[in-house]
Amino acid sequence: MTKLDLKNENQIDLCERYLWSLALGAYPNPEVEKKLFSTYKKSSHEIPAKLNETTLLSLASMSYKLRQTIGSVGKEVSQKIERYILEKLRESKGETSFPYLRAIKNLKSQTTIPD
């Protein structure tokens, strides 16, 4: 994570590939997710739009898998990410809400999407 520079335009493709691999991994590491979420919260306004959405969707997907595999540790991180996404969804208007709606879909949380 220390080498990953989400703000660097020259590293967009590499960052995006890394985020895809995190999102598709079967057993996400909670520490990696915490660090990525912290980095995203601090600098989301500086991250290029394409990478911003990929980061958000990857975090949501990792949260879902973390809840399924790890339990209480995953639940805590997942709840923080879910609250953040819902807060940003409330603040957004029109088309800017689409990434947050997609992230909610990736979360597959019972509190936001009923069965």
Protein backbone atom coordinates (compact mmCIF):
# COMPACT_ATOMS: atom_id res chain seq x y z
CA MET A 1 0.00 0.00 0.00
CA THR A 2 2.88 2.40 0.56
CA LYS A 3 3.89 2.16 -3.11
CA LEU A 4 0.33 2.55 -4.38
CA ASP A 5 -0.26 6.15 -5.46
CA LEU A 6 -3.92 6.57 -6.33
CA LYS A 7 -3.40 10.22 -7.28
CA ASN A 8 -0.68 9.59 -9.88
CA GLU A 9 -2.14 9.75 -13.41
CA ASN A 10 0.71 7.55 -14.73
CA GLN A 11 -0.20 4.66 -12.42
CA ILE A 12 -3.95 4.48 -13.10
CA ASP A 13 -3.79 1.15 -14.97
CA LEU A 14 -1.54 -0.50 -12.39
CA CYS A 15 -3.65 0.74 -9.50
CA GLU A 16 -6.83 -0.39 -11.20
CA ARG A 17 -5.44 -3.90 -11.76
CA TYR A 18 -4.41 -4.11 -8.12
CA LEU A 19 -7.86 -2.98 -6.98
CA TRP A 20 -9.55 -5.54 -9.23
CA SER A 21 -7.41 -8.29 -7.74
CA LEU A 22 -8.37 -7.16 -4.24
CA ALA A 23 -12.05 -7.11 -5.17
CA LEU A 24 -11.91 -10.59 -6.69
CA GLY A 25 -9.84 -12.22 -3.94
CA ALA A 26 -11.56 -14.95 -1.96
CA TYR A 27 -10.13 -13.99 1.45
CA PRO A 28 -9.50 -10.26 1.77
CA ASN A 29 -7.03 -9.02 4.35
CA PRO A 30 -8.79 -6.71 6.84
CA GLU A 31 -5.62 -4.66 7.38
CA VAL A 32 -5.28 -3.97 3.66
CA GLU A 33 -8.93 -2.95 3.50
CA LYS A 34 -8.58 -0.63 6.50
CA LYS A 35 -5.50 1.02 4.98
CA LEU A 36 -7.12 1.38 1.56
CA PHE A 37 -10.28 2.83 3.09
CA SER A 38 -8.25 5.30 5.15
CA THR A 39 -6.30 6.38 2.08
CA TYR A 40 -9.49 6.69 0.05
CA LYS A 41 -11.27 8.81 2.66
CA LYS A 42 -8.33 11.21 2.96
CA SER A 43 -7.79 11.76 -0.74
CA SER A 44 -10.93 10.74 -2.65
CA HIS A 45 -11.29 14.24 -4.09
CA GLU A 46 -7.74 14.05 -5.55
CA ILE A 47 -8.08 10.60 -7.16
CA PRO A 48 -8.94 10.53 -10.89
CA ALA A 49 -12.63 9.73 -11.48
CA LYS A 50 -12.07 6.34 -13.11
CA LEU A 51 -9.85 5.14 -10.28
CA ASN A 52 -12.07 6.73 -7.65
CA GLU A 53 -15.03 4.61 -8.69
CA THR A 54 -12.91 1.45 -8.99
CA THR A 55 -11.57 2.02 -5.47
CA LEU A 56 -15.06 2.53 -4.07
CA LEU A 57 -16.45 -0.57 -5.77
CA SER A 58 -13.44 -2.66 -4.69
CA LEU A 59 -13.84 -1.57 -1.08
CA ALA A 60 -17.51 -2.53 -1.15
CA SER A 61 -16.78 -5.93 -2.69
CA MET A 62 -14.00 -6.60 -0.17
CA SER A 63 -16.34 -5.64 2.67
CA TYR A 64 -18.91 -8.15 1.54
CA LYS A 65 -16.36 -10.96 1.34
CA LEU A 66 -14.81 -9.94 4.65
CA ARG A 67 -18.18 -10.16 6.39
CA GLN A 68 -18.71 -13.61 4.92
CA THR A 69 -15.32 -15.07 5.87
CA ILE A 70 -13.94 -13.39 8.98
CA GLY A 71 -16.96 -12.43 11.04
CA SER A 72 -16.71 -9.74 13.73
CA VAL A 73 -13.50 -8.12 12.46
CA GLY A 74 -14.94 -7.96 8.98
CA LYS A 75 -18.24 -6.68 10.29
CA GLU A 76 -16.63 -3.66 11.97
CA VAL A 77 -14.73 -2.58 8.85
CA SER A 78 -17.71 -3.32 6.65
CA GLN A 79 -20.01 -1.16 8.77
CA LYS A 80 -17.62 1.79 8.54
CA ILE A 81 -17.47 1.48 4.77
CA GLU A 82 -21.24 1.06 4.52
CA ARG A 83 -21.86 4.18 6.62
CA TYR A 84 -19.41 6.14 4.49
CA ILE A 85 -21.07 5.04 1.23
CA LEU A 86 -24.55 5.86 2.52
CA GLU A 87 -23.39 9.26 3.77
CA LYS A 88 -21.86 10.08 0.37
CA LEU A 89 -24.99 8.83 -1.39
CA ARG A 90 -27.13 11.24 0.65
CA GLU A 91 -24.80 14.12 -0.27
CA SER A 92 -24.73 13.33 -3.99
CA LYS A 93 -27.22 14.46 -6.58
CA GLY A 94 -28.14 13.10 -10.00
CA GLU A 95 -25.48 11.14 -11.86
CA THR A 96 -22.91 11.61 -9.12
CA SER A 97 -24.88 9.12 -7.03
CA PHE A 98 -24.40 6.25 -9.51
CA PRO A 99 -21.01 5.05 -8.15
CA TYR A 100 -22.45 4.95 -4.63
CA LEU A 101 -25.49 2.97 -5.80
CA ARG A 102 -23.16 0.48 -7.51
CA ALA A 103 -21.11 0.26 -4.33
CA ILE A 104 -24.25 -0.53 -2.31
CA LYS A 105 -24.95 -3.33 -4.75
CA ASN A 106 -21.42 -4.69 -4.20
CA LEU A 107 -21.84 -4.50 -0.42
CA LYS A 108 -24.82 -6.87 -0.53
CA SER A 109 -25.73 -5.68 2.93
CA GLN A 110 -29.05 -6.79 4.39
CA THR A 111 -29.56 -3.33 5.87
CA THR A 112 -29.46 -1.65 2.46
CA ILE A 113 -30.70 -4.33 0.04
CA PRO A 114 -33.43 -6.67 1.30
CA ASP A 115 -33.51 -10.28 0.09
